[in-house]
Amino acid sequence: SLLIIVQMISGVITAHYGVEGGGFFGIPLDVVLPQAISR
């Protein structure tokens, strides 16, 4: 159950990188969690 939840979160982040390649709703998330890692 825990892994499914974390997988869903990482999937949302990865999908958002297809829209905003440098971050997550303005937050420069790729500095600590780039698309390569979230995917």
PDB file of all heavy atoms in Angstrom:
ATOM      1  N   SER A   1       0.828  -1.212   0.000  1.00  0.00           N
ATOM      2  CA  SER A   1       0.000   0.000   0.000  1.00  0.00           C
ATOM      3  C   SER A   1       0.860   1.260   0.000  1.00  0.00           C
ATOM      4  O   SER A   1       0.581   2.221  -0.733  1.00  0.00           O
ATOM      5  CB  SER A   1      -0.927   0.000   1.220  1.00  0.00           C
ATOM      6  OG  SER A   1      -1.729  -1.167   1.243  1.00  0.00           O
ATOM      7  N   LEU A   2       1.906   1.246   0.823  1.00  0.00           N
ATOM      8  CA  LEU A   2       2.802   2.410   0.894  1.00  0.00           C
ATOM      9  C   LEU A   2       3.522   2.624  -0.433  1.00  0.00           C
ATOM     10  O   LEU A   2       3.630   3.763  -0.923  1.00  0.00           O
ATOM     11  CB  LEU A   2       3.807   2.207   2.030  1.00  0.00           C
ATOM     12  CG  LEU A   2       4.845   3.321   2.225  1.00  0.00           C
ATOM     13  CD1 LEU A   2       4.147   4.634   2.562  1.00  0.00           C
ATOM     14  CD2 LEU A   2       5.840   2.942   3.312  1.00  0.00           C
ATOM     15  N   LEU A   3       4.013   1.535  -1.036  1.00  0.00           N
ATOM     16  CA  LEU A   3       4.723   1.644  -2.317  1.00  0.00           C
ATOM     17  C   LEU A   3       3.804   2.165  -3.415  1.00  0.00           C
ATOM     18  O   LEU A   3       4.240   2.941  -4.280  1.00  0.00           O
ATOM     19  CB  LEU A   3       5.308   0.280  -2.708  1.00  0.00           C
ATOM     20  CG  LEU A   3       6.440  -0.256  -1.837  1.00  0.00           C
ATOM     21  CD1 LEU A   3       6.875  -1.635  -2.316  1.00  0.00           C
ATOM     22  CD2 LEU A   3       7.630   0.694  -1.826  1.00  0.00           C
ATOM     23  N   ILE A   4       2.549   1.746  -3.412  1.00  0.00           N
ATOM     24  CA  ILE A   4       1.598   2.230  -4.414  1.00  0.00           C
ATOM     25  C   ILE A   4       1.424   3.742  -4.289  1.00  0.00           C
ATOM     26  O   ILE A   4       1.423   4.474  -5.288  1.00  0.00           O
ATOM     27  CB  ILE A   4       0.233   1.516  -4.271  1.00  0.00           C
ATOM     28  CG1 ILE A   4       0.353   0.051  -4.713  1.00  0.00           C
ATOM     29  CG2 ILE A   4      -0.834   2.224  -5.107  1.00  0.00           C
ATOM     30  CD1 ILE A   4      -0.921  -0.750  -4.487  1.00  0.00           C
ATOM     31  N   ILE A   5       1.303   4.223  -3.051  1.00  0.00           N
ATOM     32  CA  ILE A   5       1.118   5.663  -2.835  1.00  0.00           C
ATOM     33  C   ILE A   5       2.336   6.439  -3.323  1.00  0.00           C
ATOM     34  O   ILE A   5       2.213   7.447  -4.039  1.00  0.00           O
ATOM     35  CB  ILE A   5       0.854   5.945  -1.346  1.00  0.00           C
ATOM     36  CG1 ILE A   5      -0.507   5.371  -0.927  1.00  0.00           C
ATOM     37  CG2 ILE A   5       0.911   7.444  -1.060  1.00  0.00           C
ATOM     38  CD1 ILE A   5      -0.751   5.413   0.562  1.00  0.00           C
ATOM     39  N   VAL A   6       3.546   5.973  -2.949  1.00  0.00           N
ATOM     40  CA  VAL A   6       4.767   6.664  -3.372  1.00  0.00           C
ATOM     41  C   VAL A   6       4.918   6.588  -4.888  1.00  0.00           C
ATOM     42  O   VAL A   6       5.354   7.554  -5.527  1.00  0.00           O
ATOM     43  CB  VAL A   6       6.003   6.067  -2.669  1.00  0.00           C
ATOM     44  CG1 VAL A   6       7.274   6.750  -3.142  1.00  0.00           C
ATOM     45  CG2 VAL A   6       5.876   6.196  -1.160  1.00  0.00           C
ATOM     46  N   GLN A   7       4.534   5.449  -5.463  1.00  0.00           N
ATOM     47  CA  GLN A   7       4.622   5.324  -6.923  1.00  0.00           C
ATOM     48  C   GLN A   7       3.691   6.315  -7.613  1.00  0.00           C
ATOM     49  O   GLN A   7       4.041   6.921  -8.625  1.00  0.00           O
ATOM     50  CB  GLN A   7       4.274   3.904  -7.362  1.00  0.00           C
ATOM     51  CG  GLN A   7       4.634   3.640  -8.821  1.00  0.00           C
ATOM     52  CD  GLN A   7       3.551   2.896  -9.577  1.00  0.00           C
ATOM     53  OE1 GLN A   7       2.550   2.471  -8.998  1.00  0.00           O
ATOM     54  NE2 GLN A   7       3.745   2.727 -10.870  1.00  0.00           N
ATOM     55  N   MET A   8       2.490   6.485  -7.068  1.00  0.00           N
ATOM     56  CA  MET A   8       1.549   7.437  -7.644  1.00  0.00           C
ATOM     57  C   MET A   8       2.100   8.864  -7.566  1.00  0.00           C
ATOM     58  O   MET A   8       2.003   9.640  -8.527  1.00  0.00           O
ATOM     59  CB  MET A   8       0.201   7.344  -6.925  1.00  0.00           C
ATOM     60  CG  MET A   8      -0.558   6.055  -7.198  1.00  0.00           C
ATOM     61  SD  MET A   8      -2.009   5.851  -6.127  1.00  0.00           S
ATOM     62  CE  MET A   8      -2.995   7.263  -6.611  1.00  0.00           C
ATOM     63  N   ILE A   9       2.718   9.207  -6.436  1.00  0.00           N
ATOM     64  CA  ILE A   9       3.291  10.553  -6.278  1.00  0.00           C
ATOM     65  C   ILE A   9       4.406  10.772  -7.285  1.00  0.00           C
ATOM     66  O   ILE A   9       4.467  11.820  -7.956  1.00  0.00           O
ATOM     67  CB  ILE A   9       3.804  10.749  -4.838  1.00  0.00           C
ATOM     68  CG1 ILE A   9       2.632  10.728  -3.853  1.00  0.00           C
ATOM     69  CG2 ILE A   9       4.585  12.059  -4.712  1.00  0.00           C
ATOM     70  CD1 ILE A   9       3.051  10.697  -2.394  1.00  0.00           C
ATOM     71  N   SER A  10       5.306   9.793  -7.408  1.00  0.00           N
ATOM     72  CA  SER A  10       6.401   9.928  -8.370  1.00  0.00           C
ATOM     73  C   SER A  10       5.875   9.976  -9.800  1.00  0.00           C
ATOM     74  O   SER A  10       6.454  10.647 -10.665  1.00  0.00           O
ATOM     75  CB  SER A  10       7.397   8.771  -8.211  1.00  0.00           C
ATOM     76  OG  SER A  10       6.788   7.523  -8.507  1.00  0.00           O
ATOM     77  N   GLY A  11       4.755   9.294 -10.059  1.00  0.00           N
ATOM     78  CA  GLY A  11       4.147   9.333 -11.393  1.00  0.00           C
ATOM     79  C   GLY A  11       3.581  10.707 -11.712  1.00  0.00           C
ATOM     80  O   GLY A  11       3.720  11.207 -12.834  1.00  0.00           O
ATOM     81  N   VAL A  12       2.946  11.343 -10.709  1.00  0.00           N
ATOM     82  CA  VAL A  12       2.409  12.696 -10.892  1.00  0.00           C
ATOM     83  C   VAL A  12       3.548  13.672 -11.190  1.00  0.00           C
ATOM     84  O   VAL A  12       3.455  14.511 -12.103  1.00  0.00           O
ATOM     85  CB  VAL A  12       1.629  13.140  -9.632  1.00  0.00           C
ATOM     86  CG1 VAL A  12       1.308  14.634  -9.689  1.00  0.00           C
ATOM     87  CG2 VAL A  12       0.346  12.335  -9.485  1.00  0.00           C
ATOM     88  N   ILE A  13       4.642  13.563 -10.447  1.00  0.00           N
ATOM     89  CA  ILE A  13       5.799  14.441 -10.660  1.00  0.00           C
ATOM     90  C   ILE A  13       6.388  14.223 -12.044  1.00  0.00           C
ATOM     91  O   ILE A  13       6.687  15.182 -12.773  1.00  0.00           O
ATOM     92  CB  ILE A  13       6.859  14.194  -9.564  1.00  0.00           C
ATOM     93  CG1 ILE A  13       6.325  14.640  -8.202  1.00  0.00           C
ATOM     94  CG2 ILE A  13       8.157  14.926  -9.890  1.00  0.00           C
ATOM     95  CD1 ILE A  13       7.200  14.233  -7.031  1.00  0.00           C
ATOM     96  N   THR A  14       6.538  12.962 -12.428  1.00  0.00           N
ATOM     97  CA  THR A  14       7.101  12.644 -13.738  1.00  0.00           C
ATOM     98  C   THR A  14       6.224  13.182 -14.862  1.00  0.00           C
ATOM     99  O   THR A  14       6.716  13.754 -15.839  1.00  0.00           O
ATOM    100  CB  THR A  14       7.262  11.116 -13.897  1.00  0.00           C
ATOM    101  OG1 THR A  14       8.097  10.622 -12.846  1.00  0.00           O
ATOM    102  CG2 THR A  14       7.895  10.767 -15.240  1.00  0.00           C
ATOM    103  N   ALA A  15       4.908  13.003 -14.734  1.00  0.00           N
ATOM    104  CA  ALA A  15       3.987  13.502 -15.755  1.00  0.00           C
ATOM    105  C   ALA A  15       4.067  15.021 -15.862  1.00  0.00           C
ATOM    106  O   ALA A  15       4.018  15.580 -16.966  1.00  0.00           O
ATOM    107  CB  ALA A  15       2.561  13.066 -15.433  1.00  0.00           C
ATOM    108  N   HIS A  16       4.222  15.686 -14.710  1.00  0.00           N
ATOM    109  CA  HIS A  16       4.281  17.142 -14.730  1.00  0.00           C
ATOM    110  C   HIS A  16       5.550  17.640 -15.406  1.00  0.00           C
ATOM    111  O   HIS A  16       5.557  18.735 -15.996  1.00  0.00           O
ATOM    112  CB  HIS A  16       4.188  17.699 -13.308  1.00  0.00           C
ATOM    113  CG  HIS A  16       3.975  19.184 -13.265  1.00  0.00           C
ATOM    114  ND1 HIS A  16       2.755  19.768 -13.509  1.00  0.00           N
ATOM    115  CD2 HIS A  16       4.844  20.211 -13.061  1.00  0.00           C
ATOM    116  CE1 HIS A  16       2.862  21.085 -13.439  1.00  0.00           C
ATOM    117  NE2 HIS A  16       4.129  21.374 -13.161  1.00  0.00           N
ATOM    118  N   TYR A  17       6.623  16.872 -15.334  1.00  0.00           N
ATOM    119  CA  TYR A  17       7.854  17.263 -16.033  1.00  0.00           C
ATOM    120  C   TYR A  17       7.628  17.363 -17.543  1.00  0.00           C
ATOM    121  O   TYR A  17       8.356  18.060 -18.240  1.00  0.00           O
ATOM    122  CB  TYR A  17       8.981  16.270 -15.744  1.00  0.00           C
ATOM    123  CG  TYR A  17       9.754  16.571 -14.482  1.00  0.00           C
ATOM    124  CD1 TYR A  17       9.916  15.608 -13.493  1.00  0.00           C
ATOM    125  CD2 TYR A  17      10.326  17.818 -14.272  1.00  0.00           C
ATOM    126  CE1 TYR A  17      10.627  15.870 -12.333  1.00  0.00           C
ATOM    127  CE2 TYR A  17      11.048  18.102 -13.117  1.00  0.00           C
ATOM    128  CZ  TYR A  17      11.192  17.123 -12.149  1.00  0.00           C
ATOM    129  OH  TYR A  17      11.901  17.410 -11.013  1.00  0.00           O
ATOM    130  N   GLY A  18       6.624  16.643 -18.053  1.00  0.00           N
ATOM    131  CA  GLY A  18       6.297  16.754 -19.469  1.00  0.00           C
ATOM    132  C   GLY A  18       5.670  18.089 -19.816  1.00  0.00           C
ATOM    133  O   GLY A  18       5.602  18.471 -20.990  1.00  0.00           O
ATOM    134  N   VAL A  19       5.192  18.807 -18.807  1.00  0.00           N
ATOM    135  CA  VAL A  19       4.565  20.111 -18.995  1.00  0.00           C
ATOM    136  C   VAL A  19       5.520  21.233 -18.592  1.00  0.00           C
ATOM    137  O   VAL A  19       5.705  22.215 -19.305  1.00  0.00           O
ATOM    138  CB  VAL A  19       3.264  20.220 -18.176  1.00  0.00           C
ATOM    139  CG1 VAL A  19       2.618  21.597 -18.352  1.00  0.00           C
ATOM    140  CG2 VAL A  19       2.293  19.115 -18.563  1.00  0.00           C
ATOM    141  N   GLU A  20       6.116  21.069 -17.423  1.00  0.00           N
ATOM    142  CA  GLU A  20       7.027  22.080 -16.876  1.00  0.00           C
ATOM    143  C   GLU A  20       8.358  21.388 -16.593  1.00  0.00           C
ATOM    144  O   GLU A  20       8.609  20.909 -15.496  1.00  0.00           O
ATOM    145  CB  GLU A  20       6.418  22.659 -15.588  1.00  0.00           C
ATOM    146  CG  GLU A  20       7.186  23.823 -15.007  1.00  0.00           C
ATOM    147  CD  GLU A  20       6.590  24.286 -13.679  1.00  0.00           C
ATOM    148  OE1 GLU A  20       5.491  23.814 -13.308  1.00  0.00           O
ATOM    149  OE2 GLU A  20       7.231  25.108 -13.000  1.00  0.00           O
ATOM    150  N   GLY A  21       9.203  21.341 -17.623  1.00  0.00           N
ATOM    151  CA  GLY A  21      10.397  20.503 -17.554  1.00  0.00           C
ATOM    152  C   GLY A  21      11.398  20.872 -16.500  1.00  0.00           C
ATOM    153  O   GLY A  21      12.243  20.051 -16.133  1.00  0.00           O
ATOM    154  N   GLY A  22      11.337  22.090 -15.977  1.00  0.00           N
ATOM    155  CA  GLY A  22      12.343  22.510 -15.016  1.00  0.00           C
ATOM    156  C   GLY A  22      11.882  22.509 -13.576  1.00  0.00           C
ATOM    157  O   GLY A  22      12.645  22.891 -12.689  1.00  0.00           O
ATOM    158  N   GLY A  23      10.623  22.099 -13.319  1.00  0.00           N
ATOM    159  CA  GLY A  23      10.178  22.145 -11.933  1.00  0.00           C
ATOM    160  C   GLY A  23       8.788  21.599 -11.748  1.00  0.00           C
ATOM    161  O   GLY A  23       8.242  20.912 -12.613  1.00  0.00           O
ATOM    162  N   PHE A  24       8.208  21.931 -10.589  1.00  0.00           N
ATOM    163  CA  PHE A  24       6.886  21.437 -10.230  1.00  0.00           C
ATOM    164  C   PHE A  24       6.065  22.609  -9.711  1.00  0.00           C
ATOM    165  O   PHE A  24       6.225  23.042  -8.584  1.00  0.00           O
ATOM    166  CB  PHE A  24       7.018  20.351  -9.162  1.00  0.00           C
ATOM    167  CG  PHE A  24       5.737  19.618  -8.861  1.00  0.00           C
ATOM    168  CD1 PHE A  24       5.229  18.684  -9.746  1.00  0.00           C
ATOM    169  CD2 PHE A  24       5.040  19.875  -7.690  1.00  0.00           C
ATOM    170  CE1 PHE A  24       4.050  18.005  -9.476  1.00  0.00           C
ATOM    171  CE2 PHE A  24       3.859  19.199  -7.397  1.00  0.00           C
ATOM    172  CZ  PHE A  24       3.366  18.269  -8.307  1.00  0.00           C
ATOM    173  N   PHE A  25       5.188  23.162 -10.580  1.00  0.00           N
ATOM    174  CA  PHE A  25       4.377  24.336 -10.245  1.00  0.00           C
ATOM    175  C   PHE A  25       5.245  25.480  -9.722  1.00  0.00           C
ATOM    176  O   PHE A  25       4.957  26.088  -8.683  1.00  0.00           O
ATOM    177  CB  PHE A  25       3.290  23.966  -9.231  1.00  0.00           C
ATOM    178  CG  PHE A  25       2.260  23.021  -9.776  1.00  0.00           C
ATOM    179  CD1 PHE A  25       2.295  21.672  -9.453  1.00  0.00           C
ATOM    180  CD2 PHE A  25       1.261  23.472 -10.641  1.00  0.00           C
ATOM    181  CE1 PHE A  25       1.345  20.785  -9.963  1.00  0.00           C
ATOM    182  CE2 PHE A  25       0.321  22.601 -11.153  1.00  0.00           C
ATOM    183  CZ  PHE A  25       0.357  21.258 -10.826  1.00  0.00           C
ATOM    184  N   GLY A  26       6.316  25.739 -10.445  1.00  0.00           N
ATOM    185  CA  GLY A  26       7.188  26.855 -10.099  1.00  0.00           C
ATOM    186  C   GLY A  26       8.299  26.515  -9.134  1.00  0.00           C
ATOM    187  O   GLY A  26       9.256  27.289  -8.985  1.00  0.00           O
ATOM    188  N   ILE A  27       8.210  25.389  -8.477  1.00  0.00           N
ATOM    189  CA  ILE A  27       9.272  24.957  -7.535  1.00  0.00           C
ATOM    190  C   ILE A  27      10.369  24.253  -8.344  1.00  0.00           C
ATOM    191  O   ILE A  27      10.077  23.313  -9.079  1.00  0.00           O
ATOM    192  CB  ILE A  27       8.711  23.994  -6.476  1.00  0.00           C
ATOM    193  CG1 ILE A  27       7.571  24.660  -5.695  1.00  0.00           C
ATOM    194  CG2 ILE A  27       9.816  23.538  -5.532  1.00  0.00           C
ATOM    195  CD1 ILE A  27       6.822  23.698  -4.791  1.00  0.00           C
ATOM    196  N   PRO A  28      11.617  24.688  -8.243  1.00  0.00           N
ATOM    197  CA  PRO A  28      12.708  24.059  -9.023  1.00  0.00           C
ATOM    198  C   PRO A  28      13.063  22.666  -8.477  1.00  0.00           C
ATOM    199  O   PRO A  28      14.156  22.429  -7.964  1.00  0.00           O
ATOM    200  CB  PRO A  28      13.866  25.046  -8.867  1.00  0.00           C
ATOM    201  CG  PRO A  28      13.611  25.727  -7.560  1.00  0.00           C
ATOM    202  CD  PRO A  28      12.107  25.812  -7.420  1.00  0.00           C
ATOM    203  N   LEU A  29      12.125  21.757  -8.621  1.00  0.00           N
ATOM    204  CA  LEU A  29      12.275  20.427  -8.037  1.00  0.00           C
ATOM    205  C   LEU A  29      13.404  19.629  -8.678  1.00  0.00           C
ATOM    206  O   LEU A  29      13.992  18.748  -8.042  1.00  0.00           O
ATOM    207  CB  LEU A  29      10.950  19.663  -8.164  1.00  0.00           C
ATOM    208  CG  LEU A  29      10.819  18.348  -7.401  1.00  0.00           C
ATOM    209  CD1 LEU A  29      10.951  18.582  -5.901  1.00  0.00           C
ATOM    210  CD2 LEU A  29       9.485  17.679  -7.714  1.00  0.00           C
ATOM    211  N   ASP A  30      13.726  19.939  -9.948  1.00  0.00           N
ATOM    212  CA  ASP A  30      14.745  19.150 -10.642  1.00  0.00           C
ATOM    213  C   ASP A  30      16.134  19.319 -10.032  1.00  0.00           C
ATOM    214  O   ASP A  30      17.045  18.562 -10.347  1.00  0.00           O
ATOM    215  CB  ASP A  30      14.765  19.494 -12.126  1.00  0.00           C
ATOM    216  CG  ASP A  30      15.182  20.932 -12.403  1.00  0.00           C
ATOM    217  OD1 ASP A  30      15.097  21.756 -11.483  1.00  0.00           O
ATOM    218  OD2 ASP A  30      15.585  21.213 -13.550  1.00  0.00           O
ATOM    219  N   VAL A  31      16.297  20.297  -9.145  1.00  0.00           N
ATOM    220  CA  VAL A  31      17.583  20.470  -8.465  1.00  0.00           C
ATOM    221  C   VAL A  31      17.865  19.286  -7.539  1.00  0.00           C
ATOM    222  O   VAL A  31      19.009  18.839  -7.396  1.00  0.00           O
ATOM    223  CB  VAL A  31      17.602  21.794  -7.665  1.00  0.00           C
ATOM    224  CG1 VAL A  31      18.894  21.923  -6.862  1.00  0.00           C
ATOM    225  CG2 VAL A  31      17.440  22.977  -8.606  1.00  0.00           C
ATOM    226  N   VAL A  32      16.806  18.757  -6.914  1.00  0.00           N
ATOM    227  CA  VAL A  32      16.981  17.638  -5.978  1.00  0.00           C
ATOM    228  C   VAL A  32      16.318  16.355  -6.476  1.00  0.00           C
ATOM    229  O   VAL A  32      16.662  15.265  -6.026  1.00  0.00           O
ATOM    230  CB  VAL A  32      16.424  17.986  -4.576  1.00  0.00           C
ATOM    231  CG1 VAL A  32      17.248  19.087  -3.945  1.00  0.00           C
ATOM    232  CG2 VAL A  32      14.959  18.392  -4.657  1.00  0.00           C
ATOM    233  N   LEU A  33      15.345  16.471  -7.403  1.00  0.00           N
ATOM    234  CA  LEU A  33      14.646  15.287  -7.893  1.00  0.00           C
ATOM    235  C   LEU A  33      14.372  15.433  -9.397  1.00  0.00           C
ATOM    236  O   LEU A  33      13.249  15.706  -9.810  1.00  0.00           O
ATOM    237  CB  LEU A  33      13.325  15.074  -7.137  1.00  0.00           C
ATOM    238  CG  LEU A  33      12.613  13.742  -7.383  1.00  0.00           C
ATOM    239  CD1 LEU A  33      13.385  12.588  -6.753  1.00  0.00           C
ATOM    240  CD2 LEU A  33      11.188  13.777  -6.844  1.00  0.00           C
ATOM    241  N   PRO A  34      15.400  15.287 -10.222  1.00  0.00           N
ATOM    242  CA  PRO A  34      15.202  15.436 -11.669  1.00  0.00           C
ATOM    243  C   PRO A  34      14.290  14.357 -12.240  1.00  0.00           C
ATOM    244  O   PRO A  34      14.038  13.329 -11.590  1.00  0.00           O
ATOM    245  CB  PRO A  34      16.618  15.327 -12.237  1.00  0.00           C
ATOM    246  CG  PRO A  34      17.414  14.643 -11.190  1.00  0.00           C
ATOM    247  CD  PRO A  34      16.801  15.021  -9.883  1.00  0.00           C
ATOM    248  N   GLN A  35      13.817  14.595 -13.443  1.00  0.00           N
ATOM    249  CA  GLN A  35      12.894  13.678 -14.094  1.00  0.00           C
ATOM    250  C   GLN A  35      13.457  12.261 -14.199  1.00  0.00           C
ATOM    251  O   GLN A  35      12.722  11.281 -14.078  1.00  0.00           O
ATOM    252  CB  GLN A  35      12.552  14.218 -15.490  1.00  0.00           C
ATOM    253  CG  GLN A  35      11.495  13.447 -16.242  1.00  0.00           C
ATOM    254  CD  GLN A  35      12.061  12.335 -17.119  1.00  0.00           C
ATOM    255  OE1 GLN A  35      11.348  11.401 -17.489  1.00  0.00           O
ATOM    256  NE2 GLN A  35      13.322  12.431 -17.483  1.00  0.00           N
ATOM    257  N   ALA A  36      14.767  12.152 -14.410  1.00  0.00           N
ATOM    258  CA  ALA A  36      15.393  10.823 -14.529  1.00  0.00           C
ATOM    259  C   ALA A  36      15.162   9.997 -13.273  1.00  0.00           C
ATOM    260  O   ALA A  36      14.958   8.777 -13.342  1.00  0.00           O
ATOM    261  CB  ALA A  36      16.888  10.967 -14.798  1.00  0.00           C
ATOM    262  N   ILE A  37      15.186  10.642 -12.110  1.00  0.00           N
ATOM    263  CA  ILE A  37      14.994   9.914 -10.847  1.00  0.00           C
ATOM    264  C   ILE A  37      13.516   9.626 -10.610  1.00  0.00           C
ATOM    265  O   ILE A  37      13.141   8.492 -10.267  1.00  0.00           O
ATOM    266  CB  ILE A  37      15.585  10.706  -9.670  1.00  0.00           C
ATOM    267  CG1 ILE A  37      17.099  10.847  -9.846  1.00  0.00           C
ATOM    268  CG2 ILE A  37      15.272  10.012  -8.348  1.00  0.00           C
ATOM    269  CD1 ILE A  37      17.759  11.737  -8.821  1.00  0.00           C
ATOM    270  N   SER A  38      12.652  10.633 -10.792  1.00  0.00           N
ATOM    271  CA  SER A  38      11.220  10.406 -10.529  1.00  0.00           C
ATOM    272  C   SER A  38      10.673   9.328 -11.456  1.00  0.00           C
ATOM    273  O   SER A  38       9.861   8.500 -11.037  1.00  0.00           O
ATOM    274  CB  SER A  38      10.436  11.708 -10.700  1.00  0.00           C
ATOM    275  OG  SER A  38      10.397  12.137 -12.042  1.00  0.00           O
ATOM    276  N   ARG A  39      11.138   9.313 -12.705  1.00  0.00           N
ATOM    277  CA  ARG A  39      10.651   8.289 -13.640  1.00  0.00           C
ATOM    278  C   ARG A  39      11.195   6.911 -13.270  1.00  0.00           C
ATOM    279  O   ARG A  39      10.481   5.910 -13.315  1.00  0.00           O
ATOM    280  CB  ARG A  39      11.059   8.640 -15.075  1.00  0.00           C
ATOM    281  CG  ARG A  39      10.374   7.763 -16.123  1.00  0.00           C
ATOM    282  CD  ARG A  39      10.766   8.183 -17.536  1.00  0.00           C
ATOM    283  NE  ARG A  39       9.884   7.569 -18.511  1.00  0.00           N
ATOM    284  CZ  ARG A  39      10.018   6.337 -18.986  1.00  0.00           C
ATOM    285  NH1 ARG A  39      11.025   5.592 -18.544  1.00  0.00           N
ATOM    286  NH2 ARG A  39       9.183   5.845 -19.864  1.00  0.00           N
TER     287      ARG A  39
END
